Amino acid sequence: MSIQHYEVARYKARHPHLFTEPLEVRVRRYAVWGGFIALFIYCLVAFDFSPTRIFIGVQRLGQVLSFMFPPYIWTSWGEFAPIVEGLLETLAIAFLGTVLGAVIAFPLSFLGAKNINRIPFIRHSTRRGYDIIRAFETLILALIFIRAFGLGPLPGILAMAVSEIGTFAKLFSEAIENTSEKPVDGVKASGGSRFQTIRFGVMPQVSPVIISILLYNFESNVRSGTILGIVGAGGIGFLLSDRIAAYKWDEAWSIIFLIIIMVYIIDWLSAKIRKQIIGEFGGTK
């Protein structure tokens, strides 16, 4: 039995309060939206966000972009060799930082997984440790390590590794927690030890996820590695910063273009690797 439109209109006329939201709900919604709009306007005013400033900035940006074209082309290996060395150094920093962070984070992730670590105090303390590590930005860590170890790629590797420990440990532990208990119960039923339940019950489920996380973060670290070079932690970022400081915008654009190509190639290769490895774990090719 369907209700006709005229019946709905009649009910609305008799009982209008049943078809409107309570006053408390409406006041709360208006307060939230009003606070959001007020905060947005305050930020615009506090940061001197004005149409005139935007217009002038866009004009200056157009001038900077015009200096970048046509891009610079290196005519000798002597000029191009430092650029290649900087790109490879950035790649090495990202690779070593990712690997070191993963090696340290992997065992820590089991301490933070509730289906592995049944002791709440240790588990919660470990997770708070993840949060503390992740609170430090990689750039800040690089500046600290530069003061300790001097300029060069070593501070960049250490900064990236420390930053990745917190990220990897959190992501790995969440992946471990989301595994199914059925394979674990099967290993236990066959007389498997605690280590064997993790090795044969948990790891086959979580390995594809861990590998995917590693490959994605490696791609991300290649991009962030260019920023570390700007503060003196090695890599192509130092050369890019040097060209920008010297107003060699055409050469800076060429370096940026090479960075884009490198990141694209790594992204393409990692996608191929993910597909191959996950296919093997999934039993397909």
Protein backbone atom coordinates (compact mmCIF):
# COMPACT_ATOMS: atom_id res chain seq x y z
CA MET A 1 0.00 0.00 0.00
CA SER A 2 1.57 3.27 -1.14
CA ILE A 3 1.04 6.67 0.42
CA GLN A 4 -0.16 9.36 -1.95
CA HIS A 5 1.40 12.82 -2.15
CA TYR A 6 -1.72 14.55 -0.87
CA GLU A 7 -1.65 12.33 2.22
CA VAL A 8 1.95 13.30 2.93
CA ALA A 9 1.02 16.97 2.55
CA ARG A 10 -1.88 16.49 4.95
CA TYR A 11 0.35 14.85 7.55
CA LYS A 12 2.88 17.69 7.19
CA ALA A 13 0.14 20.24 7.76
CA ARG A 14 -1.11 18.42 10.89
CA HIS A 15 2.30 17.56 12.39
CA PRO A 16 4.94 19.96 10.99
CA HIS A 17 7.36 19.26 13.86
CA LEU A 18 7.72 15.63 12.72
CA PHE A 19 9.06 16.69 9.32
CA THR A 20 11.64 19.20 10.51
CA GLU A 21 14.95 18.65 12.26
CA PRO A 22 15.13 19.50 15.97
CA LEU A 23 16.28 22.98 16.85
CA GLU A 24 19.35 21.60 18.63
CA VAL A 25 20.49 19.78 15.49
CA ARG A 26 20.02 22.85 13.30
CA VAL A 27 21.83 25.12 15.76
CA ARG A 28 24.74 22.66 15.96
CA ARG A 29 25.02 22.44 12.16
CA TYR A 30 24.91 26.23 11.74
CA ALA A 31 27.52 26.63 14.49
CA VAL A 32 29.88 24.15 12.81
CA TRP A 33 29.51 25.78 9.39
CA GLY A 34 29.79 29.25 10.92
CA GLY A 35 32.99 28.27 12.75
CA PHE A 36 34.43 26.75 9.57
CA ILE A 37 33.68 29.86 7.51
CA ALA A 38 35.03 32.16 10.23
CA LEU A 39 38.26 30.13 10.47
CA PHE A 40 38.63 30.16 6.69
CA ILE A 41 38.18 33.95 6.50
CA TYR A 42 40.59 34.47 9.42
CA CYS A 43 43.27 32.42 7.68
CA LEU A 44 42.85 34.43 4.48
CA VAL A 45 43.20 37.71 6.38
CA ALA A 46 46.07 36.51 8.60
CA PHE A 47 48.11 35.33 5.62
CA ASP A 48 47.46 38.46 3.56
CA PHE A 49 45.51 36.61 0.91
CA SER A 50 44.32 39.34 -1.44
CA PRO A 51 43.39 39.44 -5.17
CA THR A 52 46.13 42.03 -5.78
CA ARG A 53 48.82 39.86 -4.26
CA ILE A 54 47.63 36.82 -6.23
CA PHE A 55 47.61 38.80 -9.47
CA ILE A 56 51.15 40.10 -8.91
CA GLY A 57 52.34 36.63 -7.91
CA VAL A 58 50.89 35.06 -11.04
CA GLN A 59 52.67 37.67 -13.18
CA ARG A 60 55.99 36.92 -11.48
CA LEU A 61 55.39 33.20 -11.86
CA GLY A 62 54.84 33.72 -15.56
CA GLN A 63 58.19 35.52 -15.78
CA VAL A 64 59.95 32.68 -13.95
CA LEU A 65 58.38 30.10 -16.25
CA SER A 66 59.41 32.12 -19.30
CA PHE A 67 63.03 31.93 -18.12
CA MET A 68 62.77 28.14 -18.09
CA PHE A 69 62.08 27.87 -21.81
CA PRO A 70 63.67 26.64 -23.86
CA PRO A 71 65.15 24.04 -21.44
CA TYR A 72 68.90 23.83 -21.13
CA ILE A 73 70.65 21.03 -23.04
CA TRP A 74 74.02 19.90 -21.77
CA THR A 75 76.49 19.70 -24.62
CA SER A 76 79.33 17.80 -22.94
CA TRP A 77 79.66 14.88 -20.56
CA GLY A 78 81.69 17.04 -18.20
CA GLU A 79 78.61 19.23 -17.66
CA PHE A 80 76.10 16.40 -17.58
CA ALA A 81 78.07 13.98 -15.36
CA PRO A 82 77.32 15.84 -12.06
CA ILE A 83 73.61 15.79 -12.91
CA VAL A 84 73.64 12.03 -13.50
CA GLU A 85 75.63 11.54 -10.31
CA GLY A 86 73.10 13.63 -8.37
CA LEU A 87 70.17 11.63 -9.75
CA LEU A 88 71.83 8.32 -8.88
CA GLU A 89 72.71 9.62 -5.42
CA THR A 90 69.09 10.59 -4.81
CA LEU A 91 68.02 7.13 -5.95
CA ALA A 92 70.56 5.51 -3.63
CA ILE A 93 69.46 7.64 -0.66
CA ALA A 94 65.83 6.66 -1.21
CA PHE A 95 66.71 2.99 -1.62
CA LEU A 96 68.95 2.73 1.45
CA GLY A 97 66.61 4.82 3.60
CA THR A 98 63.64 2.65 2.62
CA VAL A 99 65.48 -0.64 3.17
CA LEU A 100 66.98 0.37 6.54
CA GLY A 101 63.64 1.69 7.77
CA ALA A 102 61.86 -1.50 6.71
CA VAL A 103 64.45 -3.81 8.29
CA ILE A 104 64.08 -2.10 11.67
CA ALA A 105 60.32 -1.59 11.42
CA PHE A 106 59.48 -5.19 10.47
CA PRO A 107 60.16 -6.80 13.89
CA LEU A 108 58.68 -3.78 15.70
CA SER A 109 55.43 -4.18 13.75
CA PHE A 110 54.76 -7.53 15.45
CA LEU A 111 55.00 -5.85 18.87
CA GLY A 112 52.26 -3.43 17.83
CA ALA A 113 49.87 -6.01 16.33
CA LYS A 114 47.14 -7.05 18.76
CA ASN A 115 46.77 -10.52 17.25
CA ILE A 116 50.48 -11.20 17.86
CA ASN A 117 51.30 -9.23 21.00
CA ARG A 118 48.72 -9.99 23.68
CA ILE A 119 50.28 -7.71 26.33
CA PRO A 120 48.37 -4.38 26.17
CA PHE A 121 51.02 -2.27 27.92
CA ILE A 122 53.82 -3.28 25.55
CA ARG A 123 51.55 -3.07 22.51
CA HIS A 124 50.24 0.41 23.33
CA SER A 125 53.71 1.66 24.27
CA THR A 126 55.08 0.40 20.96
CA ARG A 127 52.30 2.11 19.02
CA ARG A 128 52.91 5.39 20.81
CA GLY A 129 56.54 4.99 19.81
CA TYR A 130 55.41 4.78 16.18
CA ASP A 131 53.52 8.04 16.64
CA ILE A 132 56.48 9.82 18.22
CA ILE A 133 58.78 8.84 15.35
CA ARG A 134 56.22 9.86 12.73
CA ALA A 135 55.79 13.24 14.41
CA PHE A 136 59.24 14.29 13.16
CA GLU A 137 59.27 15.46 9.56
CA THR A 138 62.01 13.98 7.39
CA LEU A 139 63.37 17.45 6.62
CA ILE A 140 63.75 18.25 10.33
CA LEU A 141 65.53 14.95 10.90
CA ALA A 142 67.85 15.72 7.99
CA LEU A 143 68.81 19.07 9.54
CA ILE A 144 69.51 17.35 12.87
CA PHE A 145 71.65 14.64 11.28
CA ILE A 146 73.51 17.22 9.18
CA ARG A 147 74.59 18.92 12.40
CA ALA A 148 75.74 15.55 13.75
CA PHE A 149 77.33 13.92 10.68
CA GLY A 150 78.01 16.85 8.35
CA LEU A 151 76.89 17.44 4.77
CA GLY A 152 76.42 14.61 2.31
CA PRO A 153 74.12 11.67 1.63
CA LEU A 154 74.62 9.96 5.02
CA PRO A 155 72.34 12.40 6.93
CA GLY A 156 69.72 12.03 4.21
CA ILE A 157 69.80 8.23 4.45
CA LEU A 158 69.54 8.29 8.24
CA ALA A 159 66.74 10.88 8.22
CA MET A 160 64.74 8.89 5.70
CA ALA A 161 65.33 5.60 7.54
CA VAL A 162 64.24 6.98 10.92
CA SER A 163 61.15 8.57 9.39
CA GLU A 164 60.22 5.35 7.64
CA ILE A 165 60.57 3.28 10.81
CA GLY A 166 57.45 4.88 12.28
CA THR A 167 55.51 4.75 9.02
CA PHE A 168 56.42 1.17 8.12
CA ALA A 169 55.90 -0.16 11.63
CA LYS A 170 52.40 1.31 11.80
CA LEU A 171 51.38 0.11 8.32
CA PHE A 172 52.91 -3.34 8.78
CA SER A 173 51.24 -3.85 12.16
CA GLU A 174 47.85 -2.85 10.74
CA ALA A 175 48.34 -5.29 7.86
CA ILE A 176 49.22 -8.06 10.33
CA GLU A 177 46.12 -7.31 12.40
CA ASN A 178 43.88 -7.59 9.34
CA THR A 179 44.99 -11.12 8.49
CA SER A 180 42.58 -14.05 8.77
CA GLU A 181 42.84 -16.38 11.76
CA LYS A 182 41.88 -19.48 9.78
CA PRO A 183 45.37 -20.23 8.37
CA VAL A 184 46.85 -19.58 11.82
CA ASP A 185 44.38 -22.02 13.41
CA GLY A 186 45.28 -24.58 10.76
CA VAL A 187 48.98 -24.35 11.58
CA LYS A 188 48.24 -24.60 15.30
CA ALA A 189 46.00 -27.63 14.74
CA SER A 190 48.82 -29.39 12.91
CA GLY A 191 51.13 -28.88 15.89
CA GLY A 192 52.96 -25.77 14.67
CA SER A 193 54.94 -23.61 17.09
CA ARG A 194 54.40 -19.90 17.68
CA PHE A 195 57.07 -19.02 15.15
CA GLN A 196 55.61 -21.45 12.61
CA THR A 197 52.14 -19.96 12.95
CA ILE A 198 53.60 -16.55 12.07
CA ARG A 199 55.82 -17.95 9.31
CA PHE A 200 53.19 -20.11 7.59
CA GLY A 201 49.91 -18.60 8.79
CA VAL A 202 50.49 -14.83 8.87
CA MET A 203 53.35 -14.07 6.49
CA PRO A 204 51.80 -15.53 3.30
CA GLN A 205 48.80 -13.26 3.86
CA VAL A 206 50.70 -10.11 4.73
CA SER A 207 53.71 -10.36 2.39
CA PRO A 208 51.99 -8.89 -0.71
CA VAL A 209 50.75 -5.94 1.34
CA ILE A 210 54.19 -5.31 2.83
CA ILE A 211 55.87 -5.44 -0.57
CA SER A 212 53.29 -3.04 -2.01
CA ILE A 213 53.88 -0.63 0.89
CA LEU A 214 57.65 -0.83 0.41
CA LEU A 215 57.45 -0.11 -3.31
CA TYR A 216 55.05 2.79 -2.86
CA ASN A 217 57.14 4.39 -0.12
CA PHE A 218 60.27 3.94 -2.20
CA GLU A 219 58.62 5.95 -4.99
CA SER A 220 57.63 8.61 -2.48
CA ASN A 221 61.13 8.71 -0.98
CA VAL A 222 62.68 9.33 -4.39
CA ARG A 223 60.55 12.47 -4.64
CA SER A 224 61.24 13.61 -1.08
CA GLY A 225 64.94 12.85 -1.57
CA THR A 226 65.20 15.85 -3.86
CA ILE A 227 64.06 18.08 -0.98
CA LEU A 228 66.69 16.64 1.35
CA GLY A 229 69.38 17.65 -1.12
CA ILE A 230 68.29 21.27 -0.90
CA VAL A 231 69.27 21.40 2.80
CA GLY A 232 72.61 19.70 2.11
CA ALA A 233 71.74 16.03 2.60
CA GLY A 234 73.06 14.99 -0.82
CA GLY A 235 71.34 14.14 -4.07
CA ILE A 236 70.05 16.10 -7.04
CA GLY A 237 68.26 18.60 -4.79
CA PHE A 238 71.56 20.32 -4.00
CA LEU A 239 72.27 20.90 -7.69
CA LEU A 240 68.70 22.07 -8.27
CA SER A 241 68.93 24.53 -5.38
CA ASP A 242 72.27 25.77 -6.68
CA ARG A 243 70.84 26.46 -10.18
CA ILE A 244 67.81 28.28 -8.75
CA ALA A 245 70.00 30.41 -6.46
CA ALA A 246 72.14 31.33 -9.47
CA TYR A 247 68.98 32.22 -11.51
CA LYS A 248 69.81 29.53 -14.06
CA TRP A 249 66.14 28.78 -14.58
CA ASP A 250 66.58 26.99 -17.90
CA GLU A 251 69.02 24.51 -16.35
CA ALA A 252 66.80 24.17 -13.27
CA TRP A 253 63.87 23.23 -15.49
CA SER A 254 65.98 20.59 -17.24
CA ILE A 255 66.89 19.08 -13.87
CA ILE A 256 63.22 19.09 -12.83
CA PHE A 257 62.33 17.39 -16.09
CA LEU A 258 64.92 14.67 -15.44
CA ILE A 259 63.54 14.16 -11.92
CA ILE A 260 60.05 13.73 -13.38
CA ILE A 261 61.35 11.15 -15.85
CA MET A 262 63.17 9.25 -13.10
CA VAL A 263 60.08 9.18 -10.86
CA TYR A 264 57.91 8.05 -13.78
CA ILE A 265 60.29 5.18 -14.62
CA ILE A 266 60.39 4.06 -10.98
CA ASP A 267 56.61 4.22 -10.77
CA TRP A 268 56.29 2.09 -13.92
CA LEU A 269 58.83 -0.47 -12.72
CA SER A 270 57.31 -0.73 -9.24
CA ALA A 271 53.85 -1.30 -10.76
CA LYS A 272 55.30 -4.17 -12.81
CA ILE A 273 57.03 -5.62 -9.75
CA ARG A 274 53.87 -5.35 -7.62
CA LYS A 275 51.82 -7.11 -10.27
CA GLN A 276 54.37 -9.92 -10.63
CA ILE A 277 54.92 -10.50 -6.91
CA ILE A 278 51.27 -10.26 -5.88
CA GLY A 279 50.38 -12.56 -8.75
CA GLU A 280 52.89 -15.13 -7.49
CA PHE A 281 51.55 -14.92 -3.93
CA GLY A 282 48.02 -15.16 -5.24
CA GLY A 283 48.80 -18.25 -7.28
CA THR A 284 48.36 -16.56 -10.68
CA LYS A 285 50.68 -15.21 -13.33
